[in-house]
PDB file of N, CA and C in Angstrom:
ATOM      1  N   MET A   1       0.822  -1.172   0.000  1.00  0.00           N
ATOM      2  CA  MET A   1       0.000   0.000   0.000  1.00  0.00           C
ATOM      3  C   MET A   1       0.874   1.247   0.000  1.00  0.00           C
ATOM      4  N   GLY A   2       1.977   1.236   0.668  1.00  0.00           N
ATOM      5  CA  GLY A   2       2.892   2.349   0.705  1.00  0.00           C
ATOM      6  C   GLY A   2       3.480   2.629  -0.659  1.00  0.00           C
ATOM      7  N   GLU A   3       3.713   1.594  -1.456  1.00  0.00           N
ATOM      8  CA  GLU A   3       4.283   1.793  -2.786  1.00  0.00           C
ATOM      9  C   GLU A   3       3.277   2.464  -3.720  1.00  0.00           C
ATOM     10  N   GLU A   4       2.000   2.111  -3.582  1.00  0.00           N
ATOM     11  CA  GLU A   4       0.967   2.718  -4.429  1.00  0.00           C
ATOM     12  C   GLU A   4       0.887   4.224  -4.172  1.00  0.00           C
ATOM     13  N   CYS A   5       0.955   4.599  -2.940  1.00  0.00           N
ATOM     14  CA  CYS A   5       0.894   6.009  -2.569  1.00  0.00           C
ATOM     15  C   CYS A   5       2.053   6.780  -3.177  1.00  0.00           C
ATOM     16  N   CYS A   6       3.220   6.229  -2.963  1.00  0.00           N
ATOM     17  CA  CYS A   6       4.405   6.932  -3.439  1.00  0.00           C
ATOM     18  C   CYS A   6       4.546   6.817  -4.944  1.00  0.00           C
ATOM     19  N   GLY A   7       4.090   5.730  -5.519  1.00  0.00           N
ATOM     20  CA  GLY A   7       4.164   5.539  -6.963  1.00  0.00           C
ATOM     21  C   GLY A   7       3.243   6.496  -7.695  1.00  0.00           C
ATOM     22  N   ASP A   8       2.098   6.830  -7.104  1.00  0.00           N
ATOM     23  CA  ASP A   8       1.149   7.756  -7.721  1.00  0.00           C
ATOM     24  C   ASP A   8       1.595   9.205  -7.606  1.00  0.00           C
ATOM     25  N   LYS A   9       2.339   9.522  -6.589  1.00  0.00           N
ATOM     26  CA  LYS A   9       2.718  10.895  -6.333  1.00  0.00           C
ATOM     27  C   LYS A   9       3.509  11.507  -7.475  1.00  0.00           C
ATOM     28  N   PRO A  10       4.528  10.833  -8.017  1.00  0.00           N
ATOM     29  CA  PRO A  10       5.239  11.437  -9.147  1.00  0.00           C
ATOM     30  C   PRO A  10       4.312  11.729 -10.330  1.00  0.00           C
ATOM     31  N   GLN A  11       3.335  10.864 -10.576  1.00  0.00           N
ATOM     32  CA  GLN A  11       2.386  11.103 -11.672  1.00  0.00           C
ATOM     33  C   GLN A  11       1.528  12.331 -11.360  1.00  0.00           C
ATOM     34  N   ALA A  12       1.068  12.454 -10.131  1.00  0.00           N
ATOM     35  CA  ALA A  12       0.256  13.610  -9.730  1.00  0.00           C
ATOM     36  C   ALA A  12       1.079  14.895  -9.832  1.00  0.00           C
ATOM     37  N   VAL A  13       2.344  14.836  -9.473  1.00  0.00           N
ATOM     38  CA  VAL A  13       3.220  16.002  -9.575  1.00  0.00           C
ATOM     39  C   VAL A  13       3.379  16.400 -11.034  1.00  0.00           C
ATOM     40  N   GLN A  14       3.515  15.398 -11.907  1.00  0.00           N
ATOM     41  CA  GLN A  14       3.662  15.681 -13.341  1.00  0.00           C
ATOM     42  C   GLN A  14       2.381  16.285 -13.917  1.00  0.00           C
ATOM     43  N   VAL A  15       1.235  15.755 -13.523  1.00  0.00           N
ATOM     44  CA  VAL A  15      -0.053  16.295 -13.993  1.00  0.00           C
ATOM     45  C   VAL A  15      -0.186  17.751 -13.560  1.00  0.00           C
ATOM     46  N   LYS A  16       0.175  18.012 -12.318  1.00  0.00           N
ATOM     47  CA  LYS A  16       0.112  19.383 -11.801  1.00  0.00           C
ATOM     48  C   LYS A  16       1.069  20.287 -12.580  1.00  0.00           C
ATOM     49  N   ALA A  17       2.290  19.821 -12.797  1.00  0.00           N
ATOM     50  CA  ALA A  17       3.287  20.614 -13.523  1.00  0.00           C
ATOM     51  C   ALA A  17       2.813  20.907 -14.947  1.00  0.00           C
ATOM     52  N   ASP A  18       2.222  19.904 -15.602  1.00  0.00           N
ATOM     53  CA  ASP A  18       1.697  20.108 -16.956  1.00  0.00           C
ATOM     54  C   ASP A  18       0.576  21.145 -16.953  1.00  0.00           C
ATOM     55  N   TYR A  19      -0.316  21.028 -15.973  1.00  0.00           N
ATOM     56  CA  TYR A  19      -1.431  21.963 -15.867  1.00  0.00           C
ATOM     57  C   TYR A  19      -0.926  23.384 -15.624  1.00  0.00           C
ATOM     58  N   VAL A  20      -0.016  23.545 -14.682  1.00  0.00           N
ATOM     59  CA  VAL A  20       0.542  24.862 -14.370  1.00  0.00           C
ATOM     60  C   VAL A  20       1.254  25.430 -15.594  1.00  0.00           C
ATOM     61  N   GLY A  21       2.017  24.596 -16.291  1.00  0.00           N
ATOM     62  CA  GLY A  21       2.704  25.048 -17.504  1.00  0.00           C
ATOM     63  C   GLY A  21       1.721  25.516 -18.562  1.00  0.00           C
ATOM     64  N   SER A  22       0.644  24.771 -18.729  1.00  0.00           N
ATOM     65  CA  SER A  22      -0.390  25.147 -19.694  1.00  0.00           C
ATOM     66  C   SER A  22      -1.027  26.488 -19.327  1.00  0.00           C
ATOM     67  N   MET A  23      -1.330  26.667 -18.052  1.00  0.00           N
ATOM     68  CA  MET A  23      -1.938  27.925 -17.594  1.00  0.00           C
ATOM     69  C   MET A  23      -0.962  29.085 -17.749  1.00  0.00           C
ATOM     70  N   GLU A  24       0.308  28.868 -17.484  1.00  0.00           N
ATOM     71  CA  GLU A  24       1.306  29.926 -17.653  1.00  0.00           C
ATOM     72  C   GLU A  24       1.403  30.351 -19.113  1.00  0.00           C
ATOM     73  N   THR A  25       1.355  29.374 -20.018  1.00  0.00           N
ATOM     74  CA  THR A  25       1.401  29.675 -21.457  1.00  0.00           C
ATOM     75  C   THR A  25       0.186  30.499 -21.861  1.00  0.00           C
ATOM     76  N   LYS A  26      -0.993  30.083 -21.420  1.00  0.00           N
ATOM     77  CA  LYS A  26      -2.219  30.816 -21.751  1.00  0.00           C
ATOM     78  C   LYS A  26      -2.197  32.224 -21.153  1.00  0.00           C
ATOM     79  N   PHE A  27      -1.693  32.329 -19.929  1.00  0.00           N
ATOM     80  CA  PHE A  27      -1.583  33.627 -19.271  1.00  0.00           C
ATOM     81  C   PHE A  27      -0.648  34.546 -20.050  1.00  0.00           C
ATOM     82  N   ALA A  28       0.474  34.001 -20.509  1.00  0.00           N
ATOM     83  CA  ALA A  28       1.431  34.797 -21.291  1.00  0.00           C
ATOM     84  C   ALA A  28       0.805  35.250 -22.609  1.00  0.00           C
ATOM     85  N   GLU A  29       0.010  34.375 -23.251  1.00  0.00           N
ATOM     86  CA  GLU A  29      -0.656  34.741 -24.508  1.00  0.00           C
ATOM     87  C   GLU A  29      -1.644  35.880 -24.289  1.00  0.00           C
ATOM     88  N   ILE A  30      -2.410  35.780 -23.221  1.00  0.00           N
ATOM     89  CA  ILE A  30      -3.377  36.845 -22.908  1.00  0.00           C
ATOM     90  C   ILE A  30      -2.641  38.143 -22.597  1.00  0.00           C
ATOM     91  N   GLY A  31      -1.561  38.051 -21.856  1.00  0.00           N
ATOM     92  CA  GLY A  31      -0.763  39.234 -21.543  1.00  0.00           C
ATOM     93  C   GLY A  31      -0.246  39.907 -22.801  1.00  0.00           C
ATOM     94  N   ALA A  32       0.221  39.098 -23.756  1.00  0.00           N
ATOM     95  CA  ALA A  32       0.726  39.647 -25.020  1.00  0.00           C
ATOM     96  C   ALA A  32      -0.397  40.336 -25.788  1.00  0.00           C
ATOM     97  N   LYS A  33      -1.591  39.741 -25.789  1.00  0.00           N
ATOM     98  CA  LYS A  33      -2.728  40.359 -26.479  1.00  0.00           C
ATOM     99  C   LYS A  33      -3.128  41.675 -25.807  1.00  0.00           C
ATOM    100  N   LEU A  34      -3.100  41.709 -24.495  1.00  0.00           N
ATOM    101  CA  LEU A  34      -3.419  42.945 -23.780  1.00  0.00           C
ATOM    102  C   LEU A  34      -2.390  44.028 -24.071  1.00  0.00           C
ATOM    103  N   ASP A  35      -1.129  43.645 -24.142  1.00  0.00           N
ATOM    104  CA  ASP A  35      -0.087  44.610 -24.490  1.00  0.00           C
ATOM    105  C   ASP A  35      -0.308  45.162 -25.893  1.00  0.00           C
ATOM    106  N   GLU A  36      -0.699  44.276 -26.810  1.00  0.00           N
ATOM    107  CA  GLU A  36      -0.976  44.702 -28.192  1.00  0.00           C
ATOM    108  C   GLU A  36      -2.165  45.660 -28.228  1.00  0.00           C
ATOM    109  N   LEU A  37      -3.221  45.341 -27.478  1.00  0.00           N
ATOM    110  CA  LEU A  37      -4.395  46.221 -27.416  1.00  0.00           C
ATOM    111  C   LEU A  37      -4.022  47.580 -26.821  1.00  0.00           C
ATOM    112  N   HIS A  38      -3.191  47.568 -25.818  1.00  0.00           N
ATOM    113  CA  HIS A  38      -2.761  48.824 -25.207  1.00  0.00           C
ATOM    114  C   HIS A  38      -2.005  49.669 -26.223  1.00  0.00           C
ATOM    115  N   SER A  39      -1.152  49.031 -26.981  1.00  0.00           N
ATOM    116  CA  SER A  39      -0.387  49.749 -28.008  1.00  0.00           C
ATOM    117  C   SER A  39      -1.318  50.333 -29.064  1.00  0.00           C
ATOM    118  N   LYS A  40      -2.276  49.523 -29.513  1.00  0.00           N
ATOM    119  CA  LYS A  40      -3.232  50.000 -30.511  1.00  0.00           C
ATOM    120  C   LYS A  40      -4.083  51.138 -29.953  1.00  0.00           C
ATOM    121  N   ALA A  41      -4.472  51.017 -28.696  1.00  0.00           N
ATOM    122  CA  ALA A  41      -5.276  52.072 -28.066  1.00  0.00           C
ATOM    123  C   ALA A  41      -4.478  53.365 -27.972  1.00  0.00           C
ATOM    124  N   SER A  42      -3.216  53.252 -27.636  1.00  0.00           N
ATOM    125  CA  SER A  42      -2.372  54.444 -27.552  1.00  0.00           C
ATOM    126  C   SER A  42      -2.238  55.108 -28.915  1.00  0.00           C
ATOM    127  N   ASP A  43      -2.025  54.286 -29.949  1.00  0.00           N
ATOM    128  CA  ASP A  43      -1.922  54.820 -31.311  1.00  0.00           C
ATOM    129  C   ASP A  43      -3.235  55.478 -31.729  1.00  0.00           C
ATOM    130  N   ALA A  44      -4.344  54.798 -31.444  1.00  0.00           N
ATOM    131  CA  ALA A  44      -5.654  55.328 -31.820  1.00  0.00           C
ATOM    132  C   ALA A  44      -5.938  56.630 -31.077  1.00  0.00           C
ATOM    133  N   LYS A  45      -5.544  56.676 -29.818  1.00  0.00           N
ATOM    134  CA  LYS A  45      -5.770  57.889 -29.025  1.00  0.00           C
ATOM    135  C   LYS A  45      -4.980  59.050 -29.611  1.00  0.00           C
ATOM    136  N   GLU A  46      -3.746  58.797 -30.003  1.00  0.00           N
ATOM    137  CA  GLU A  46      -2.914  59.846 -30.590  1.00  0.00           C
ATOM    138  C   GLU A  46      -3.497  60.315 -31.926  1.00  0.00           C
ATOM    139  N   GLN A  47      -3.932  59.358 -32.742  1.00  0.00           N
ATOM    140  CA  GLN A  47      -4.523  59.716 -34.032  1.00  0.00           C
ATOM    141  C   GLN A  47      -5.815  60.502 -33.832  1.00  0.00           C
ATOM    142  N   ALA A  48      -6.623  60.081 -32.869  1.00  0.00           N
ATOM    143  CA  ALA A  48      -7.877  60.785 -32.598  1.00  0.00           C
ATOM    144  C   ALA A  48      -7.608  62.202 -32.107  1.00  0.00           C
ATOM    145  N   ALA A  49      -6.600  62.362 -31.277  1.00  0.00           N
ATOM    146  CA  ALA A  49      -6.253  63.699 -30.773  1.00  0.00           C
ATOM    147  C   ALA A  49      -5.808  64.595 -31.920  1.00  0.00           C
ATOM    148  N   ASN A  50      -5.018  64.051 -32.836  1.00  0.00           N
ATOM    149  CA  ASN A  50      -4.574  64.827 -33.998  1.00  0.00           C
ATOM    150  C   ASN A  50      -5.752  65.212 -34.878  1.00  0.00           C
ATOM    151  N   LYS A  51      -6.657  64.264 -35.109  1.00  0.00           N
ATOM    152  CA  LYS A  51      -7.839  64.545 -35.934  1.00  0.00           C
ATOM    153  C   LYS A  51      -8.726  65.575 -35.242  1.00  0.00           C
ATOM    154  N   TYR A  52      -8.850  65.464 -33.923  1.00  0.00           N
ATOM    155  CA  TYR A  52      -9.672  66.422 -33.195  1.00  0.00           C
ATOM    156  C   TYR A  52      -9.115  67.831 -33.360  1.00  0.00           C
ATOM    157  N   GLU A  53      -7.811  67.979 -33.289  1.00  0.00           N
ATOM    158  CA  GLU A  53      -7.194  69.300 -33.459  1.00  0.00           C
ATOM    159  C   GLU A  53      -7.475  69.833 -34.863  1.00  0.00           C
ATOM    160  N   GLU A  54      -7.460  68.952 -35.845  1.00  0.00           N
ATOM    161  CA  GLU A  54      -7.762  69.362 -37.224  1.00  0.00           C
ATOM    162  C   GLU A  54      -9.214  69.837 -37.325  1.00  0.00           C
ATOM    163  N   VAL A  55     -10.125  69.064 -36.735  1.00  0.00           N
ATOM    164  CA  VAL A  55     -11.544  69.444 -36.768  1.00  0.00           C
ATOM    165  C   VAL A  55     -11.752  70.753 -36.021  1.00  0.00           C
ATOM    166  N   LYS A  56     -11.061  70.905 -34.923  1.00  0.00           N
ATOM    167  CA  LYS A  56     -11.178  72.131 -34.134  1.00  0.00           C
ATOM    168  C   LYS A  56     -10.782  73.348 -34.971  1.00  0.00           C
ATOM    169  N   LYS A  57      -9.723  73.227 -35.777  1.00  0.00           N
ATOM    170  CA  LYS A  57      -9.293  74.333 -36.644  1.00  0.00           C
ATOM    171  C   LYS A  57     -10.377  74.653 -37.672  1.00  0.00           C
ATOM    172  N   HIS A  58     -10.981  73.616 -38.238  1.00  0.00           N
ATOM    173  CA  HIS A  58     -12.062  73.839 -39.212  1.00  0.00           C
ATOM    174  C   HIS A  58     -13.261  74.502 -38.537  1.00  0.00           C
ATOM    175  N   LYS A  59     -13.543  74.086 -37.336  1.00  0.00           N
ATOM    176  CA  LYS A  59     -14.660  74.673 -36.590  1.00  0.00           C
ATOM    177  C   LYS A  59     -14.391  76.157 -36.323  1.00  0.00           C
ATOM    178  N   GLU A  60     -13.170  76.474 -35.928  1.00  0.00           N
ATOM    179  CA  GLU A  60     -12.806  77.866 -35.668  1.00  0.00           C
ATOM    180  C   GLU A  60     -12.882  78.701 -36.946  1.00  0.00           C
ATOM    181  N   GLU A  61     -12.447  78.122 -38.052  1.00  0.00           N
ATOM    182  CA  GLU A  61     -12.504  78.828 -39.339  1.00  0.00           C
ATOM    183  C   GLU A  61     -13.958  79.104 -39.725  1.00  0.00           C
ATOM    184  N   PHE A  62     -14.816  78.117 -39.511  1.00  0.00           N
ATOM    185  CA  PHE A  62     -16.234  78.298 -39.821  1.00  0.00           C
ATOM    186  C   PHE A  62     -16.826  79.399 -38.935  1.00  0.00           C
ATOM    187  N   ALA A  63     -16.517  79.356 -37.654  1.00  0.00           N
ATOM    188  CA  ALA A  63     -17.037  80.375 -36.730  1.00  0.00           C
ATOM    189  C   ALA A  63     -16.563  81.769 -37.137  1.00  0.00           C
ATOM    190  N   LYS A  64     -15.324  81.864 -37.566  1.00  0.00           N
ATOM    191  CA  LYS A  64     -14.765  83.146 -38.006  1.00  0.00           C
ATOM    192  C   LYS A  64     -15.527  83.664 -39.228  1.00  0.00           C
ATOM    193  N   ARG A  65     -15.734  82.800 -40.185  1.00  0.00           N
ATOM    194  CA  ARG A  65     -16.439  83.216 -41.407  1.00  0.00           C
ATOM    195  C   ARG A  65     -17.904  83.555 -41.118  1.00  0.00           C
ATOM    196  N   LEU A  66     -18.515  82.815 -40.222  1.00  0.00           N
ATOM    197  CA  LEU A  66     -19.894  83.107 -39.847  1.00  0.00           C
ATOM    198  C   LEU A  66     -19.971  84.479 -39.167  1.00  0.00           C
ATOM    199  N   ALA A  67     -19.014  84.787 -38.325  1.00  0.00           N
ATOM    200  CA  ALA A  67     -18.973  86.094 -37.663  1.00  0.00           C
ATOM    201  C   ALA A  67     -18.793  87.208 -38.691  1.00  0.00           C
ATOM    202  N   GLU A  68     -17.994  86.951 -39.729  1.00  0.00           N
ATOM    203  CA  GLU A  68     -17.797  87.948 -40.788  1.00  0.00           C
ATOM    204  C   GLU A  68     -19.117  88.263 -41.479  1.00  0.00           C
ATOM    205  N   ILE A  69     -19.910  87.231 -41.732  1.00  0.00           N
ATOM    206  CA  ILE A  69     -21.212  87.450 -42.377  1.00  0.00           C
ATOM    207  C   ILE A  69     -22.140  88.221 -41.439  1.00  0.00           C
ATOM    208  N   LYS A  70     -22.142  87.837 -40.180  1.00  0.00           N
ATOM    209  CA  LYS A  70     -23.002  88.532 -39.205  1.00  0.00           C
ATOM    210  C   LYS A  70     -22.640  90.013 -39.112  1.00  0.00           C
ATOM    211  N   ASP A  71     -21.352  90.302 -39.178  1.00  0.00           N
ATOM    212  CA  ASP A  71     -20.887  91.678 -39.016  1.00  0.00           C
ATOM    213  C   ASP A  71     -20.949  92.492 -40.313  1.00  0.00           C
ATOM    214  N   SER A  72     -21.176  91.826 -41.430  1.00  0.00           N
ATOM    215  CA  SER A  72     -21.190  92.544 -42.712  1.00  0.00           C
ATOM    216  C   SER A  72     -22.464  93.376 -42.835  1.00  0.00           C
ATOM    217  N   THR A  73     -22.364  94.395 -43.653  1.00  0.00           N
ATOM    218  CA  THR A  73     -23.509  95.282 -43.851  1.00  0.00           C
ATOM    219  C   THR A  73     -23.985  95.183 -45.297  1.00  0.00           C
ATOM    220  N   GLY A  74     -25.229  95.470 -45.489  1.00  0.00           N
ATOM    221  CA  GLY A  74     -25.800  95.501 -46.830  1.00  0.00           C
ATOM    222  C   GLY A  74     -25.587  94.185 -47.570  1.00  0.00           C
ATOM    223  N   ASP A  75     -25.184  94.313 -48.820  1.00  0.00           N
ATOM    224  CA  ASP A  75     -24.978  93.141 -49.668  1.00  0.00           C
ATOM    225  C   ASP A  75     -23.568  92.558 -49.532  1.00  0.00           C
ATOM    226  N   ALA A  76     -22.755  93.113 -48.680  1.00  0.00           N
ATOM    227  CA  ALA A  76     -21.381  92.643 -48.511  1.00  0.00           C
ATOM    228  C   ALA A  76     -21.328  91.197 -48.012  1.00  0.00           C
ATOM    229  N   TRP A  77     -22.398  90.746 -47.356  1.00  0.00           N
ATOM    230  CA  TRP A  77     -22.405  89.385 -46.828  1.00  0.00           C
ATOM    231  C   TRP A  77     -22.265  88.355 -47.940  1.00  0.00           C
ATOM    232  N   THR A  78     -22.720  88.709 -49.148  1.00  0.00           N
ATOM    233  CA  THR A  78     -22.635  87.749 -50.253  1.00  0.00           C
ATOM    234  C   THR A  78     -21.187  87.449 -50.633  1.00  0.00           C
ATOM    235  N   GLU A  79     -20.280  88.390 -50.343  1.00  0.00           N
ATOM    236  CA  GLU A  79     -18.856  88.151 -50.608  1.00  0.00           C
ATOM    237  C   GLU A  79     -18.304  87.049 -49.708  1.00  0.00           C
ATOM    238  N   PHE A  80     -18.871  86.911 -48.522  1.00  0.00           N
ATOM    239  CA  PHE A  80     -18.387  85.925 -47.556  1.00  0.00           C
ATOM    240  C   PHE A  80     -19.088  84.575 -47.697  1.00  0.00           C
ATOM    241  N   LYS A  81     -20.164  84.551 -48.459  1.00  0.00           N
ATOM    242  CA  LYS A  81     -21.001  83.359 -48.574  1.00  0.00           C
ATOM    243  C   LYS A  81     -20.208  82.144 -49.079  1.00  0.00           C
ATOM    244  N   GLY A  82     -19.439  82.315 -50.136  1.00  0.00           N
ATOM    245  CA  GLY A  82     -18.661  81.199 -50.698  1.00  0.00           C
ATOM    246  C   GLY A  82     -17.648  80.656 -49.700  1.00  0.00           C
ATOM    247  N   GLY A  83     -16.989  81.552 -48.978  1.00  0.00           N
ATOM    248  CA  GLY A  83     -16.016  81.120 -47.974  1.00  0.00           C
ATOM    249  C   GLY A  83     -16.670  80.358 -46.840  1.00  0.00           C
ATOM    250  N   LEU A  84     -17.865  80.793 -46.467  1.00  0.00           N
ATOM    251  CA  LEU A  84     -18.583  80.121 -45.381  1.00  0.00           C
ATOM    252  C   LEU A  84     -19.003  78.720 -45.812  1.00  0.00           C
ATOM    253  N   GLU A  85     -19.512  78.616 -47.026  1.00  0.00           N
ATOM    254  CA  GLU A  85     -19.933  77.304 -47.521  1.00  0.00           C
ATOM    255  C   GLU A  85     -18.741  76.352 -47.641  1.00  0.00           C
ATOM    256  N   LYS A  86     -17.604  76.888 -48.090  1.00  0.00           N
ATOM    257  CA  LYS A  86     -16.395  76.069 -48.190  1.00  0.00           C
ATOM    258  C   LYS A  86     -15.943  75.618 -46.802  1.00  0.00           C
ATOM    259  N   ALA A  87     -15.971  76.538 -45.845  1.00  0.00           N
ATOM    260  CA  ALA A  87     -15.580  76.206 -44.473  1.00  0.00           C
ATOM    261  C   ALA A  87     -16.510  75.147 -43.879  1.00  0.00           C
ATOM    262  N   LEU A  88     -17.803  75.248 -44.202  1.00  0.00           N
ATOM    263  CA  LEU A  88     -18.762  74.259 -43.716  1.00  0.00           C
ATOM    264  C   LEU A  88     -18.459  72.887 -44.302  1.00  0.00           C
ATOM    265  N   GLU A  89     -18.177  72.820 -45.597  1.00  0.00           N
ATOM    266  CA  GLU A  89     -17.860  71.538 -46.236  1.00  0.00           C
ATOM    267  C   GLU A  89     -16.587  70.932 -45.652  1.00  0.00           C
ATOM    268  N   GLU A  90     -15.583  71.769 -45.392  1.00  0.00           N
ATOM    269  CA  GLU A  90     -14.342  71.279 -44.795  1.00  0.00           C
ATOM    270  C   GLU A  90     -14.584  70.763 -43.381  1.00  0.00           C
ATOM    271  N   LEU A  91     -15.446  71.443 -42.644  1.00  0.00           N
ATOM    272  CA  LEU A  91     -15.789  71.005 -41.291  1.00  0.00           C
ATOM    273  C   LEU A  91     -16.519  69.662 -41.338  1.00  0.00           C
ATOM    274  N   LYS A  92     -17.463  69.535 -42.248  1.00  0.00           N
ATOM    275  CA  LYS A  92     -18.205  68.283 -42.385  1.00  0.00           C
ATOM    276  C   LYS A  92     -17.266  67.132 -42.765  1.00  0.00           C
ATOM    277  N   LEU A  93     -16.363  67.389 -43.695  1.00  0.00           N
ATOM    278  CA  LEU A  93     -15.414  66.370 -44.130  1.00  0.00           C
ATOM    279  C   LEU A  93     -14.494  65.959 -42.984  1.00  0.00           C
ATOM    280  N   ALA A  94     -13.985  66.925 -42.259  1.00  0.00           N
ATOM    281  CA  ALA A  94     -13.102  66.623 -41.132  1.00  0.00           C
ATOM    282  C   ALA A  94     -13.843  65.808 -40.070  1.00  0.00           C
ATOM    283  N   ALA A  95     -15.091  66.167 -39.783  1.00  0.00           N
ATOM    284  CA  ALA A  95     -15.888  65.423 -38.804  1.00  0.00           C
ATOM    285  C   ALA A  95     -16.130  63.997 -39.290  1.00  0.00           C
ATOM    286  N   TYR A  96     -16.399  63.838 -40.579  1.00  0.00           N
ATOM    287  CA  TYR A  96     -16.594  62.507 -41.159  1.00  0.00           C
ATOM    288  C   TYR A  96     -15.318  61.672 -41.018  1.00  0.00           C
ATOM    289  N   GLU A  97     -14.171  62.301 -41.289  1.00  0.00           N
ATOM    290  CA  GLU A  97     -12.899  61.582 -41.185  1.00  0.00           C
ATOM    291  C   GLU A  97     -12.629  61.144 -39.747  1.00  0.00           C
ATOM    292  N   VAL A  98     -13.009  61.968 -38.790  1.00  0.00           N
ATOM    293  CA  VAL A  98     -12.846  61.583 -37.390  1.00  0.00           C
ATOM    294  C   VAL A  98     -13.734  60.384 -37.086  1.00  0.00           C
ATOM    295  N   LYS A  99     -14.971  60.439 -37.566  1.00  0.00           N
ATOM    296  CA  LYS A  99     -15.902  59.325 -37.338  1.00  0.00           C
ATOM    297  C   LYS A  99     -15.364  58.050 -37.968  1.00  0.00           C
ATOM    298  N   GLU A 100     -14.909  58.136 -39.205  1.00  0.00           N
ATOM    299  CA  GLU A 100     -14.366  56.962 -39.898  1.00  0.00           C
ATOM    300  C   GLU A 100     -13.113  56.446 -39.188  1.00  0.00           C
ATOM    301  N   GLY A 101     -12.276  57.365 -38.752  1.00  0.00           N
ATOM    302  CA  GLY A 101     -11.066  56.968 -38.023  1.00  0.00           C
ATOM    303  C   GLY A 101     -11.413  56.250 -36.740  1.00  0.00           C
ATOM    304  N   SER A 102     -12.446  56.717 -36.058  1.00  0.00           N
ATOM    305  CA  SER A 102     -12.884  56.064 -34.826  1.00  0.00           C
ATOM    306  C   SER A 102     -13.414  54.675 -35.115  1.00  0.00           C
ATOM    307  N   THR A 103     -14.162  54.540 -36.197  1.00  0.00           N
ATOM    308  CA  THR A 103     -14.700  53.240 -36.585  1.00  0.00           C
ATOM    309  C   THR A 103     -13.565  52.275 -36.910  1.00  0.00           C
ATOM    310  N   LYS A 104     -12.553  52.766 -37.626  1.00  0.00           N
ATOM    311  CA  LYS A 104     -11.412  51.917 -37.970  1.00  0.00           C
ATOM    312  C   LYS A 104     -10.618  51.548 -36.726  1.00  0.00           C
ATOM    313  N   ALA A 105     -10.498  52.481 -35.799  1.00  0.00           N
ATOM    314  CA  ALA A 105      -9.773  52.200 -34.564  1.00  0.00           C
ATOM    315  C   ALA A 105     -10.480  51.108 -33.771  1.00  0.00           C
ATOM    316  N   VAL A 106     -11.804  51.206 -33.702  1.00  0.00           N
ATOM    317  CA  VAL A 106     -12.574  50.183 -32.981  1.00  0.00           C
ATOM    318  C   VAL A 106     -12.425  48.836 -33.680  1.00  0.00           C
ATOM    319  N   ALA A 107     -12.411  48.844 -35.010  1.00  0.00           N
ATOM    320  CA  ALA A 107     -12.267  47.597 -35.760  1.00  0.00           C
ATOM    321  C   ALA A 107     -10.941  46.911 -35.445  1.00  0.00           C
ATOM    322  N   LYS A 108      -9.897  47.693 -35.186  1.00  0.00           N
ATOM    323  CA  LYS A 108      -8.604  47.114 -34.831  1.00  0.00           C
ATOM    324  C   LYS A 108      -8.703  46.261 -33.571  1.00  0.00           C
ATOM    325  N   PHE A 109      -9.551  46.679 -32.654  1.00  0.00           N
ATOM    326  CA  PHE A 109      -9.684  45.954 -31.402  1.00  0.00           C
ATOM    327  C   PHE A 109     -10.506  44.667 -31.574  1.00  0.00           C
ATOM    328  N   GLU A 110     -11.299  44.609 -32.610  1.00  0.00           N
ATOM    329  CA  GLU A 110     -12.145  43.442 -32.835  1.00  0.00           C
ATOM    330  C   GLU A 110     -11.385  42.303 -33.487  1.00  0.00           C
ATOM    331  N   LYS A 111     -10.181  42.560 -33.958  1.00  0.00           N
ATOM    332  CA  LYS A 111      -9.382  41.522 -34.619  1.00  0.00           C
ATOM    333  C   LYS A 111      -8.818  40.569 -33.604  1.00  0.00           C
TER     334      LYS A 111
END
């Protein structure tokens, strides 16, 4: 009976070692994926911040042109009309690019 006890122990130790090794491997894989996600998130955050600054400039340009129209007298506002419409289109495009960039950034995390 003593031999059975001791004979089984090395097998149990090996099973435990195999299990622990398997869990360590899986843990390392998850850690690597989390590190990759962190890197992608950092990149996406930087890109989003850059795009936001671009949109902010377009927004400021639009506000400036809108103020010019508000302050214009008589028919002079028509001179600013084309610039305002152009500024609006640039603002819309920049906002769309931010939205698309955000969608692409989220897609990176789904891979």
